[in-house]
C-alpha atoms as a PDB file:
ATOM      1  CA  UNK A   1      42.931 133.914  68.251  1.00  0.00           C
ATOM      2  CA  UNK A   2      40.214 133.718  70.753  1.00  0.00           C
ATOM      3  CA  UNK A   3      40.727 131.913  73.969  1.00  0.00           C
ATOM      4  CA  UNK A   4      39.062 128.419  73.888  1.00  0.00           C
ATOM      5  CA  UNK A   5      35.640 127.957  75.682  1.00  0.00           C
ATOM      6  CA  UNK A   6      36.050 125.880  78.789  1.00  0.00           C
ATOM      7  CA  UNK A   7      33.176 123.917  80.201  1.00  0.00           C
ATOM      8  CA  UNK A   8      31.959 120.725  81.874  1.00  0.00           C
ATOM      9  CA  UNK A   9      31.666 118.204  79.238  1.00  0.00           C
ATOM     10  CA  UNK A  10      29.869 114.948  79.082  1.00  0.00           C
ATOM     11  CA  UNK A  11      30.705 112.400  76.246  1.00  0.00           C
ATOM     12  CA  UNK A  12      28.278 109.557  77.170  1.00  0.00           C
ATOM     13  CA  UNK A  13      25.266 109.246  79.423  1.00  0.00           C
ATOM     14  CA  UNK A  14      25.941 108.761  83.218  1.00  0.00           C
ATOM     15  CA  UNK A  15      29.518 109.786  83.004  1.00  0.00           C
ATOM     16  CA  UNK A  16      30.936 112.435  85.330  1.00  0.00           C
ATOM     17  CA  UNK A  17      31.697 115.722  83.458  1.00  0.00           C
ATOM     18  CA  UNK A  18      35.141 116.725  82.706  1.00  0.00           C
ATOM     19  CA  UNK A  19      36.448 120.278  82.679  1.00  0.00           C
ATOM     20  CA  UNK A  20      37.652 120.613  78.807  1.00  0.00           C
ATOM     21  CA  UNK A  21      37.241 122.714  75.729  1.00  0.00           C
ATOM     22  CA  UNK A  22      33.860 122.803  73.812  1.00  0.00           C
ATOM     23  CA  UNK A  23      32.702 124.675  70.744  1.00  0.00           C
ATOM     24  CA  UNK A  24      32.050 128.384  71.036  1.00  0.00           C
ATOM     25  CA  UNK A  25      28.342 128.916  70.781  1.00  0.00           C
ATOM     26  CA  UNK A  26      26.895 131.174  68.140  1.00  0.00           C
ATOM     27  CA  UNK A  27      23.497 132.779  68.452  1.00  0.00           C
ATOM     28  CA  UNK A  28      20.680 131.394  66.253  1.00  0.00           C
ATOM     29  CA  UNK A  29      16.960 131.586  65.945  1.00  0.00           C
ATOM     30  CA  UNK A  30      15.456 131.545  69.289  1.00  0.00           C
ATOM     31  CA  UNK A  31      18.702 131.347  71.246  1.00  0.00           C
ATOM     32  CA  UNK A  32      21.154 134.004  72.421  1.00  0.00           C
ATOM     33  CA  UNK A  33      24.929 133.534  73.138  1.00  0.00           C
ATOM     34  CA  UNK A  34      25.690 134.681  76.576  1.00  0.00           C
ATOM     35  CA  UNK A  35      28.581 134.682  79.187  1.00  0.00           C
ATOM     36  CA  UNK A  36      27.840 132.580  82.199  1.00  0.00           C
ATOM     37  CA  UNK A  37      28.064 133.858  85.679  1.00  0.00           C
ATOM     38  CA  UNK A  38      26.589 130.883  87.735  1.00  0.00           C
ATOM     39  CA  UNK A  39      24.920 127.641  87.383  1.00  0.00           C
ATOM     40  CA  UNK A  40      23.531 125.494  90.203  1.00  0.00           C
ATOM     41  CA  UNK A  41      24.001 121.713  90.513  1.00  0.00           C
ATOM     42  CA  UNK A  42      20.361 120.444  90.847  1.00  0.00           C
ATOM     43  CA  UNK A  43      18.856 117.124  90.700  1.00  0.00           C
ATOM     44  CA  UNK A  44      17.234 117.947  87.468  1.00  0.00           C
ATOM     45  CA  UNK A  45      20.705 118.632  85.844  1.00  0.00           C
ATOM     46  CA  UNK A  46      22.058 115.392  87.168  1.00  0.00           C
ATOM     47  CA  UNK A  47      19.126 113.497  86.046  1.00  0.00           C
ATOM     48  CA  UNK A  48      19.192 114.846  82.446  1.00  0.00           C
ATOM     49  CA  UNK A  49      22.775 113.963  82.039  1.00  0.00           C
ATOM     50  CA  UNK A  50      22.214 110.376  83.484  1.00  0.00           C
ATOM     51  CA  UNK A  51      20.284 109.620  80.286  1.00  0.00           C
ATOM     52  CA  UNK A  52      17.543 108.079  82.332  1.00  0.00           C
ATOM     53  CA  UNK A  53      15.280 111.233  82.652  1.00  0.00           C
ATOM     54  CA  UNK A  54      12.388 111.218  80.182  1.00  0.00           C
ATOM     55  CA  UNK A  55      13.644 114.507  78.785  1.00  0.00           C
ATOM     56  CA  UNK A  56      17.219 113.341  78.212  1.00  0.00           C
ATOM     57  CA  UNK A  57      16.248 112.123  74.713  1.00  0.00           C
ATOM     58  CA  UNK A  58      16.222 115.982  73.673  1.00  0.00           C
ATOM     59  CA  UNK A  59      19.977 116.432  74.448  1.00  0.00           C
ATOM     60  CA  UNK A  60      22.507 115.290  71.755  1.00  0.00           C
ATOM     61  CA  UNK A  61      25.907 114.125  72.964  1.00  0.00           C
ATOM     62  CA  UNK A  62      28.578 115.481  73.756  1.00  0.00           C
ATOM     63  CA  UNK A  63      26.771 117.926  75.786  1.00  0.00           C
ATOM     64  CA  UNK A  64      27.384 120.574  78.775  1.00  0.00           C
ATOM     65  CA  UNK A  65      25.239 120.068  81.878  1.00  0.00           C
ATOM     66  CA  UNK A  66      23.418 122.973  83.520  1.00  0.00           C
ATOM     67  CA  UNK A  67      19.646 123.135  82.758  1.00  0.00           C
ATOM     68  CA  UNK A  68      19.533 126.625  83.841  1.00  0.00           C
ATOM     69  CA  UNK A  69      21.548 129.672  85.178  1.00  0.00           C
ATOM     70  CA  UNK A  70      22.483 133.255  85.381  1.00  0.00           C
ATOM     71  CA  UNK A  71      24.251 134.552  82.405  1.00  0.00           C
ATOM     72  CA  UNK A  72      25.331 138.120  81.024  1.00  0.00           C
ATOM     73  CA  UNK A  73      24.061 138.903  77.534  1.00  0.00           C
ATOM     74  CA  UNK A  74      26.114 140.695  74.969  1.00  0.00           C
ATOM     75  CA  UNK A  75      23.848 143.749  75.504  1.00  0.00           C
ATOM     76  CA  UNK A  76      25.042 143.881  79.229  1.00  0.00           C
ATOM     77  CA  UNK A  77      21.862 142.520  80.872  1.00  0.00           C
ATOM     78  CA  UNK A  78      22.210 140.041  83.772  1.00  0.00           C
ATOM     79  CA  UNK A  79      19.414 137.387  83.180  1.00  0.00           C
ATOM     80  CA  UNK A  80      18.196 134.074  84.531  1.00  0.00           C
ATOM     81  CA  UNK A  81      17.351 131.578  81.724  1.00  0.00           C
ATOM     82  CA  UNK A  82      17.237 128.153  80.364  1.00  0.00           C
ATOM     83  CA  UNK A  83      20.117 126.629  78.311  1.00  0.00           C
ATOM     84  CA  UNK A  84      19.657 125.379  74.710  1.00  0.00           C
ATOM     85  CA  UNK A  85      21.207 121.888  74.170  1.00  0.00           C
ATOM     86  CA  UNK A  86      24.017 120.857  73.771  1.00  0.00           C
ATOM     87  CA  UNK A  87      25.127 124.047  75.491  1.00  0.00           C
ATOM     88  CA  UNK A  88      24.350 123.665  79.111  1.00  0.00           C
ATOM     89  CA  UNK A  89      25.139 126.518  81.705  1.00  0.00           C
ATOM     90  CA  UNK A  90      28.191 124.892  83.199  1.00  0.00           C
ATOM     91  CA  UNK A  91      30.581 126.676  80.903  1.00  0.00           C
ATOM     92  CA  UNK A  92      32.171 129.812  80.316  1.00  0.00           C
ATOM     93  CA  UNK A  93      29.737 130.741  77.279  1.00  0.00           C
ATOM     94  CA  UNK A  94      26.375 129.151  76.430  1.00  0.00           C
ATOM     95  CA  UNK A  95      23.285 129.572  74.589  1.00  0.00           C
ATOM     96  CA  UNK A  96      20.126 130.700  76.424  1.00  0.00           C
ATOM     97  CA  UNK A  97      16.488 130.500  75.045  1.00  0.00           C
ATOM     98  CA  UNK A  98      15.367 134.097  74.124  1.00  0.00           C
ATOM     99  CA  UNK A  99      11.904 133.619  75.629  1.00  0.00           C
ATOM    100  CA  UNK A 100      11.260 133.577  79.164  1.00  0.00           C
ATOM    101  CA  UNK A 101      14.362 135.364  80.268  1.00  0.00           C
ATOM    102  CA  UNK A 102      14.008 137.122  83.646  1.00  0.00           C
ATOM    103  CA  UNK A 103      16.377 140.057  84.587  1.00  0.00           C
ATOM    104  CA  UNK A 104      18.235 139.686  87.786  1.00  0.00           C
ATOM    105  CA  UNK A 105      17.785 142.550  90.237  1.00  0.00           C
ATOM    106  CA  UNK A 106      20.867 144.496  91.358  1.00  0.00           C
ATOM    107  CA  UNK A 107      20.144 143.324  94.994  1.00  0.00           C
ATOM    108  CA  UNK A 108      20.615 139.734  94.217  1.00  0.00           C
ATOM    109  CA  UNK A 109      24.000 138.257  93.457  1.00  0.00           C
ATOM    110  CA  UNK A 110      24.497 135.882  90.657  1.00  0.00           C
ATOM    111  CA  UNK A 111      25.139 132.736  92.876  1.00  0.00           C
ATOM    112  CA  UNK A 112      21.964 133.152  94.850  1.00  0.00           C
ATOM    113  CA  UNK A 113      19.995 133.987  91.638  1.00  0.00           C
ATOM    114  CA  UNK A 114      21.165 130.807  90.102  1.00  0.00           C
ATOM    115  CA  UNK A 115      20.237 128.914  93.186  1.00  0.00           C
ATOM    116  CA  UNK A 116      16.738 130.309  93.622  1.00  0.00           C
ATOM    117  CA  UNK A 117      14.827 129.494  90.390  1.00  0.00           C
ATOM    118  CA  UNK A 118      14.917 125.600  90.348  1.00  0.00           C
ATOM    119  CA  UNK A 119      13.590 124.990  93.935  1.00  0.00           C
ATOM    120  CA  UNK A 120      11.589 128.263  94.024  1.00  0.00           C
ATOM    121  CA  UNK A 121       9.634 127.514  90.691  1.00  0.00           C
ATOM    122  CA  UNK A 122       9.360 123.814  91.575  1.00  0.00           C
ATOM    123  CA  UNK A 123       7.839 124.829  95.042  1.00  0.00           C
ATOM    124  CA  UNK A 124       5.624 127.660  93.773  1.00  0.00           C
ATOM    125  CA  UNK A 125       4.267 125.249  91.150  1.00  0.00           C
ATOM    126  CA  UNK A 126       3.723 122.470  93.438  1.00  0.00           C
ATOM    127  CA  UNK A 127       2.048 124.713  96.050  1.00  0.00           C
ATOM    128  CA  UNK A 128      -0.326 126.808  93.571  1.00  0.00           C
ATOM    129  CA  UNK A 129      -0.854 124.526  90.761  1.00  0.00           C
ATOM    130  CA  UNK A 130      -0.816 120.871  91.867  1.00  0.00           C
ATOM    131  CA  UNK A 131      -1.664 121.251  95.751  1.00  0.00           C
ATOM    132  CA  UNK A 132      -3.937 124.306  95.292  1.00  0.00           C
ATOM    133  CA  UNK A 133      -3.124 125.351  98.727  1.00  0.00           C
ATOM    134  CA  UNK A 134      -5.278 128.044 100.083  1.00  0.00           C
ATOM    135  CA  UNK A 135      -5.104 130.296 103.174  1.00  0.00           C
ATOM    136  CA  UNK A 136      -5.624 128.225 106.290  1.00  0.00           C
ATOM    137  CA  UNK A 137      -4.907 124.897 104.717  1.00  0.00           C
ATOM    138  CA  UNK A 138      -3.209 121.974 106.683  1.00  0.00           C
ATOM    139  CA  UNK A 139      -0.012 121.115 104.704  1.00  0.00           C
ATOM    140  CA  UNK A 140       2.395 118.141 105.221  1.00  0.00           C
ATOM    141  CA  UNK A 141       5.903 118.309 103.601  1.00  0.00           C
ATOM    142  CA  UNK A 142       8.068 114.978 103.198  1.00  0.00           C
ATOM    143  CA  UNK A 143      11.563 115.610 102.738  1.00  0.00           C
ATOM    144  CA  UNK A 144      11.408 119.297 104.039  1.00  0.00           C
ATOM    145  CA  UNK A 145      15.064 119.474 104.996  1.00  0.00           C
ATOM    146  CA  UNK A 146      16.306 119.328 101.481  1.00  0.00           C
ATOM    147  CA  UNK A 147      16.664 122.590  99.397  1.00  0.00           C
ATOM    148  CA  UNK A 148      13.285 122.390  97.640  1.00  0.00           C
ATOM    149  CA  UNK A 149      11.334 121.055 100.386  1.00  0.00           C
ATOM    150  CA  UNK A 150      12.618 123.946 102.572  1.00  0.00           C
ATOM    151  CA  UNK A 151      11.674 126.439 100.128  1.00  0.00           C
ATOM    152  CA  UNK A 152       8.295 124.922  99.797  1.00  0.00           C
ATOM    153  CA  UNK A 153       7.811 125.085 103.811  1.00  0.00           C
ATOM    154  CA  UNK A 154       8.638 128.747 103.673  1.00  0.00           C
ATOM    155  CA  UNK A 155       6.405 129.640 100.730  1.00  0.00           C
ATOM    156  CA  UNK A 156       3.631 127.585 102.008  1.00  0.00           C
ATOM    157  CA  UNK A 157       3.386 129.501 105.206  1.00  0.00           C
ATOM    158  CA  UNK A 158       4.511 133.067 104.249  1.00  0.00           C
ATOM    159  CA  UNK A 159       3.047 133.501 100.825  1.00  0.00           C
ATOM    160  CA  UNK A 160       0.182 131.076 100.329  1.00  0.00           C
ATOM    161  CA  UNK A 161      -0.964 131.401 103.968  1.00  0.00           C
ATOM    162  CA  UNK A 162      -1.138 127.733 105.020  1.00  0.00           C
ATOM    163  CA  UNK A 163      -2.613 127.777 108.493  1.00  0.00           C
ATOM    164  CA  UNK A 164      -0.555 124.954 109.750  1.00  0.00           C
ATOM    165  CA  UNK A 165       2.806 123.499 107.968  1.00  0.00           C
ATOM    166  CA  UNK A 166       4.171 120.145 109.295  1.00  0.00           C
ATOM    167  CA  UNK A 167       7.653 119.262 108.186  1.00  0.00           C
ATOM    168  CA  UNK A 168       9.312 115.771 108.170  1.00  0.00           C
ATOM    169  CA  UNK A 169      12.916 114.925 107.556  1.00  0.00           C
ATOM    170  CA  UNK A 170      15.971 113.146 108.914  1.00  0.00           C
ATOM    171  CA  UNK A 171      18.291 116.135 109.492  1.00  0.00           C
ATOM    172  CA  UNK A 172      17.242 117.461 113.094  1.00  0.00           C
ATOM    173  CA  UNK A 173      19.220 120.556 112.861  1.00  0.00           C
ATOM    174  CA  UNK A 174      17.476 121.486 109.569  1.00  0.00           C
ATOM    175  CA  UNK A 175      14.150 120.680 111.183  1.00  0.00           C
ATOM    176  CA  UNK A 176      14.966 123.072 114.020  1.00  0.00           C
ATOM    177  CA  UNK A 177      15.918 125.716 111.277  1.00  0.00           C
ATOM    178  CA  UNK A 178      12.457 125.305 109.527  1.00  0.00           C
ATOM    179  CA  UNK A 179      10.545 125.804 112.800  1.00  0.00           C
ATOM    180  CA  UNK A 180      12.062 129.365 112.766  1.00  0.00           C
ATOM    181  CA  UNK A 181      11.312 129.823 109.052  1.00  0.00           C
ATOM    182  CA  UNK A 182       7.660 129.191 108.840  1.00  0.00           C
ATOM    183  CA  UNK A 183       6.796 125.587 109.899  1.00  0.00           C
ATOM    184  CA  UNK A 184       4.681 124.906 112.792  1.00  0.00           C
ATOM    185  CA  UNK A 185       5.532 121.440 113.680  1.00  0.00           C
ATOM    186  CA  UNK A 186       8.365 119.009 112.915  1.00  0.00           C
ATOM    187  CA  UNK A 187       8.660 115.124 112.613  1.00  0.00           C
ATOM    188  CA  UNK A 188      11.959 113.591 113.051  1.00  0.00           C
ATOM    189  CA  UNK A 189      12.064 110.679 110.718  1.00  0.00           C
ATOM    190  CA  UNK A 190      15.023 109.212 112.507  1.00  0.00           C
ATOM    191  CA  UNK A 191      13.604 109.057 115.956  1.00  0.00           C
ATOM    192  CA  UNK A 192       9.708 109.170 115.731  1.00  0.00           C
ATOM    193  CA  UNK A 193       7.234 106.994 114.327  1.00  0.00           C
ATOM    194  CA  UNK A 194       6.157 108.715 111.114  1.00  0.00           C
ATOM    195  CA  UNK A 195       3.014 106.849 110.603  1.00  0.00           C
ATOM    196  CA  UNK A 196       1.724 107.371 114.052  1.00  0.00           C
ATOM    197  CA  UNK A 197       2.398 111.151 113.813  1.00  0.00           C
ATOM    198  CA  UNK A 198       0.800 111.434 110.391  1.00  0.00           C
ATOM    199  CA  UNK A 199      -2.187 109.397 111.861  1.00  0.00           C
ATOM    200  CA  UNK A 200      -2.779 111.608 114.742  1.00  0.00           C
ATOM    201  CA  UNK A 201      -2.280 114.815 113.032  1.00  0.00           C
ATOM    202  CA  UNK A 202      -4.531 113.612 110.066  1.00  0.00           C
ATOM    203  CA  UNK A 203      -7.321 112.559 112.587  1.00  0.00           C
ATOM    204  CA  UNK A 204      -7.029 115.893 114.690  1.00  0.00           C
ATOM    205  CA  UNK A 205      -7.294 118.081 111.540  1.00  0.00           C
ATOM    206  CA  UNK A 206      -7.264 116.406 108.072  1.00  0.00           C
ATOM    207  CA  UNK A 207      -4.203 117.441 105.866  1.00  0.00           C
ATOM    208  CA  UNK A 208      -5.408 119.362 102.824  1.00  0.00           C
ATOM    209  CA  UNK A 209      -2.028 118.994 100.862  1.00  0.00           C
ATOM    210  CA  UNK A 210       1.127 116.804 101.064  1.00  0.00           C
ATOM    211  CA  UNK A 211       4.168 117.549  99.177  1.00  0.00           C
ATOM    212  CA  UNK A 212       6.300 114.530  98.705  1.00  0.00           C
ATOM    213  CA  UNK A 213       9.980 114.915  97.867  1.00  0.00           C
ATOM    214  CA  UNK A 214      11.029 111.299  98.917  1.00  0.00           C
ATOM    215  CA  UNK A 215       8.604 108.651  97.405  1.00  0.00           C
ATOM    216  CA  UNK A 216       9.835 105.112  98.285  1.00  0.00           C
ATOM    217  CA  UNK A 217       8.957 103.746 101.923  1.00  0.00           C
ATOM    218  CA  UNK A 218       8.313 107.022 103.399  1.00  0.00           C
ATOM    219  CA  UNK A 219       5.479 107.696 100.881  1.00  0.00           C
ATOM    220  CA  UNK A 220       4.021 104.385 101.078  1.00  0.00           C
ATOM    221  CA  UNK A 221       4.013 104.830 104.973  1.00  0.00           C
ATOM    222  CA  UNK A 222       2.380 108.311 104.643  1.00  0.00           C
ATOM    223  CA  UNK A 223      -0.291 107.271 102.297  1.00  0.00           C
ATOM    224  CA  UNK A 224      -1.158 104.217 104.482  1.00  0.00           C
ATOM    225  CA  UNK A 225      -1.309 106.400 107.517  1.00  0.00           C
ATOM    226  CA  UNK A 226      -3.530 109.062 105.768  1.00  0.00           C
ATOM    227  CA  UNK A 227      -5.826 106.200 104.856  1.00  0.00           C
ATOM    228  CA  UNK A 228      -5.918 104.655 108.161  1.00  0.00           C
ATOM    229  CA  UNK A 229      -7.014 107.872 109.753  1.00  0.00           C
ATOM    230  CA  UNK A 230      -9.202 109.390 106.964  1.00  0.00           C
ATOM    231  CA  UNK A 231     -12.187 110.961 108.293  1.00  0.00           C
ATOM    232  CA  UNK A 232     -15.041 108.582 107.756  1.00  0.00           C
ATOM    233  CA  UNK A 233     -18.006 110.915 108.624  1.00  0.00           C
ATOM    234  CA  UNK A 234     -17.425 113.194 105.672  1.00  0.00           C
ATOM    235  CA  UNK A 235     -15.242 113.329 102.450  1.00  0.00           C
ATOM    236  CA  UNK A 236     -12.202 115.265 102.845  1.00  0.00           C
ATOM    237  CA  UNK A 237      -9.743 115.938  99.717  1.00  0.00           C
ATOM    238  CA  UNK A 238      -6.132 115.348 100.412  1.00  0.00           C
ATOM    239  CA  UNK A 239      -4.033 116.345  97.495  1.00  0.00           C
ATOM    240  CA  UNK A 240      -0.828 114.081  97.384  1.00  0.00           C
ATOM    241  CA  UNK A 241       1.657 115.967  95.201  1.00  0.00           C
ATOM    242  CA  UNK A 242       4.802 113.717  94.248  1.00  0.00           C
ATOM    243  CA  UNK A 243       7.919 115.777  93.203  1.00  0.00           C
ATOM    244  CA  UNK A 244      10.996 113.809  94.162  1.00  0.00           C
ATOM    245  CA  UNK A 245      12.141 110.159  94.539  1.00  0.00           C
ATOM    246  CA  UNK A 246      15.403 110.191  96.416  1.00  0.00           C
ATOM    247  CA  UNK A 247      14.184 107.590  98.792  1.00  0.00           C
ATOM    248  CA  UNK A 248      13.518 104.977  96.102  1.00  0.00           C
ATOM    249  CA  UNK A 249      11.121 103.936  93.340  1.00  0.00           C
ATOM    250  CA  UNK A 250       8.623 102.116  92.895  1.00  0.00           C
ATOM    251  CA  UNK A 251       6.358 101.816  95.887  1.00  0.00           C
ATOM    252  CA  UNK A 252       3.641  99.270  96.840  1.00  0.00           C
ATOM    253  CA  UNK A 253       0.254 101.094  96.847  1.00  0.00           C
ATOM    254  CA  UNK A 254      -3.011  99.168  97.580  1.00  0.00           C
ATOM    255  CA  UNK A 255      -5.712 100.185  95.308  1.00  0.00           C
ATOM    256  CA  UNK A 256      -8.115 100.564  98.269  1.00  0.00           C
ATOM    257  CA  UNK A 257      -5.993 103.571  99.454  1.00  0.00           C
ATOM    258  CA  UNK A 258      -7.090 105.758  96.608  1.00  0.00           C
ATOM    259  CA  UNK A 259     -10.603 104.116  96.186  1.00  0.00           C
ATOM    260  CA  UNK A 260     -11.640 104.348  99.946  1.00  0.00           C
ATOM    261  CA  UNK A 261     -10.306 107.819 100.749  1.00  0.00           C
ATOM    262  CA  UNK A 262     -10.340 111.417  99.324  1.00  0.00           C
ATOM    263  CA  UNK A 263      -6.596 111.302  98.574  1.00  0.00           C
ATOM    264  CA  UNK A 264      -5.862 112.474  95.041  1.00  0.00           C
ATOM    265  CA  UNK A 265      -2.471 111.513  93.795  1.00  0.00           C
ATOM    266  CA  UNK A 266      -0.597 113.561  91.262  1.00  0.00           C
ATOM    267  CA  UNK A 267       2.979 114.886  90.241  1.00  0.00           C
ATOM    268  CA  UNK A 268       4.889 117.906  89.283  1.00  0.00           C
ATOM    269  CA  UNK A 269       7.696 117.890  86.815  1.00  0.00           C
ATOM    270  CA  UNK A 270       8.611 118.292  83.047  1.00  0.00           C
ATOM    271  CA  UNK A 271       5.665 117.130  81.192  1.00  0.00           C
ATOM    272  CA  UNK A 272       2.993 117.210  84.038  1.00  0.00           C
ATOM    273  CA  UNK A 273       2.637 120.980  84.136  1.00  0.00           C
ATOM    274  CA  UNK A 274       1.073 122.812  81.287  1.00  0.00           C
ATOM    275  CA  UNK A 275       3.505 125.108  79.494  1.00  0.00           C
ATOM    276  CA  UNK A 276       1.562 128.298  80.444  1.00  0.00           C
ATOM    277  CA  UNK A 277       1.738 127.447  84.092  1.00  0.00           C
ATOM    278  CA  UNK A 278       5.486 127.178  83.932  1.00  0.00           C
ATOM    279  CA  UNK A 279       5.783 130.144  81.869  1.00  0.00           C
ATOM    280  CA  UNK A 280       3.700 132.221  84.469  1.00  0.00           C
ATOM    281  CA  UNK A 281       5.888 130.935  87.193  1.00  0.00           C
ATOM    282  CA  UNK A 282       9.041 132.287  85.490  1.00  0.00           C
ATOM    283  CA  UNK A 283       7.624 135.606  84.757  1.00  0.00           C
ATOM    284  CA  UNK A 284       5.449 136.275  87.699  1.00  0.00           C
ATOM    285  CA  UNK A 285       6.667 133.992  90.620  1.00  0.00           C
ATOM    286  CA  UNK A 286      10.382 134.382  90.064  1.00  0.00           C
ATOM    287  CA  UNK A 287      10.701 138.264  90.259  1.00  0.00           C
ATOM    288  CA  UNK A 288       8.740 137.835  93.570  1.00  0.00           C
ATOM    289  CA  UNK A 289      11.185 135.151  94.740  1.00  0.00           C
ATOM    290  CA  UNK A 290      14.222 137.220  93.893  1.00  0.00           C
ATOM    291  CA  UNK A 291      12.685 140.140  95.830  1.00  0.00           C
ATOM    292  CA  UNK A 292      11.953 137.942  98.828  1.00  0.00           C
ATOM    293  CA  UNK A 293      15.570 136.794  98.813  1.00  0.00           C
ATOM    294  CA  UNK A 294      16.814 140.375  98.509  1.00  0.00           C
ATOM    295  CA  UNK A 295      14.750 141.347 101.513  1.00  0.00           C
ATOM    296  CA  UNK A 296      15.600 138.442 103.754  1.00  0.00           C
ATOM    297  CA  UNK A 297      12.033 137.055 103.797  1.00  0.00           C
ATOM    298  CA  UNK A 298      13.077 133.830 101.917  1.00  0.00           C
ATOM    299  CA  UNK A 299      16.332 132.078 102.864  1.00  0.00           C
ATOM    300  CA  UNK A 300      18.387 129.698 101.027  1.00  0.00           C
ATOM    301  CA  UNK A 301      21.845 128.283 101.763  1.00  0.00           C
ATOM    302  CA  UNK A 302      24.516 128.130  98.875  1.00  0.00           C
ATOM    303  CA  UNK A 303      27.990 126.883  98.432  1.00  0.00           C
ATOM    304  CA  UNK A 304      30.181 128.368  95.679  1.00  0.00           C
ATOM    305  CA  UNK A 305      32.602 126.080  93.640  1.00  0.00           C
ATOM    306  CA  UNK A 306      34.691 126.794  90.753  1.00  0.00           C
ATOM    307  CA  UNK A 307      33.588 125.156  87.367  1.00  0.00           C
ATOM    308  CA  UNK A 308      36.966 123.693  87.096  1.00  0.00           C
ATOM    309  CA  UNK A 309      36.303 121.615  90.233  1.00  0.00           C
ATOM    310  CA  UNK A 310      33.126 119.984  88.464  1.00  0.00           C
ATOM    311  CA  UNK A 311      34.339 116.465  88.537  1.00  0.00           C
ATOM    312  CA  UNK A 312      34.995 116.715  92.343  1.00  0.00           C
ATOM    313  CA  UNK A 313      31.695 118.559  92.880  1.00  0.00           C
ATOM    314  CA  UNK A 314      29.764 116.103  90.749  1.00  0.00           C
ATOM    315  CA  UNK A 315      30.676 113.033  92.838  1.00  0.00           C
ATOM    316  CA  UNK A 316      30.428 114.647  96.193  1.00  0.00           C
ATOM    317  CA  UNK A 317      27.075 114.840  98.007  1.00  0.00           C
ATOM    318  CA  UNK A 318      26.192 118.449  98.662  1.00  0.00           C
ATOM    319  CA  UNK A 319      25.463 119.557 102.510  1.00  0.00           C
ATOM    320  CA  UNK A 320      21.882 119.121 103.737  1.00  0.00           C
ATOM    321  CA  UNK A 321      19.722 121.913 102.706  1.00  0.00           C
ATOM    322  CA  UNK A 322      22.643 123.731 100.769  1.00  0.00           C
ATOM    323  CA  UNK A 323      22.611 124.245  96.858  1.00  0.00           C
ATOM    324  CA  UNK A 324      26.016 124.154  95.160  1.00  0.00           C
ATOM    325  CA  UNK A 325      26.657 126.706  92.651  1.00  0.00           C
ATOM    326  CA  UNK A 326      29.271 126.477  89.951  1.00  0.00           C
ATOM    327  CA  UNK A 327      30.977 129.669  88.695  1.00  0.00           C
ATOM    328  CA  UNK A 328      33.479 129.833  85.751  1.00  0.00           C
END
């Protein structure tokens, strides 16, 4: 008799996954059975299993967490792909969507390959589609010390050619690291007046794009500061892209900030980006991201944990700027 398939299993929304047996997946139309090699614990995976995410309704319970990851297909190919509910990637075996699979190059290990796509595709889409960053642009990143914010800072400078990248965050060590990875200037949100620094920098040379991974009070402060120092002599568009809300939700936003300035407010997430844009990011941007990681031109910190430790991992905060990856 075949050994049981072990996985992280959630029986009800918001519960901590437990390491338990789950039904062995079988290939079906549009989905392939595969052996999992690694799956990153991302904010998206947590949100989907909380039941509060707008895409949670697509997941039947009980379910296995793990929106994406790296798996070995039965034909031997090692691929990155998206899971097919209720079979997430935090399991020994899973189902992956047959379309959009990206083969992982030999020079990238499975843990790194599992960690790169979520922050990499998110940052790439935010920079190219929503923020429309062009060579020479002035870019501000709020929450840059996190995994995705740090990825965005590196890509903004080294791929999209931003003329000046300003990063803001609370972890001074990570801010110092970013200054050596592409950022031109750092704002410590612990010690400095965020509003005053943004006002001064925007008045000196207006920001063309702001990537916000925080929302809450920091976003309200930044939007007010941008409005206060918005150039009055001429119109200047500042594309404010909302991506994460770890600092709180909702915020107070006076209508005049949008009516009286060139600030354009939009978001990036499931549902706000056309499917063809996401498909392009997977098939064209992801191979480039893998190549950059292999060459050392893109840096990402990871921490590997055993899938059997999922209960402890799920309830423990990951180190700042480090992506935790579970392996069976």
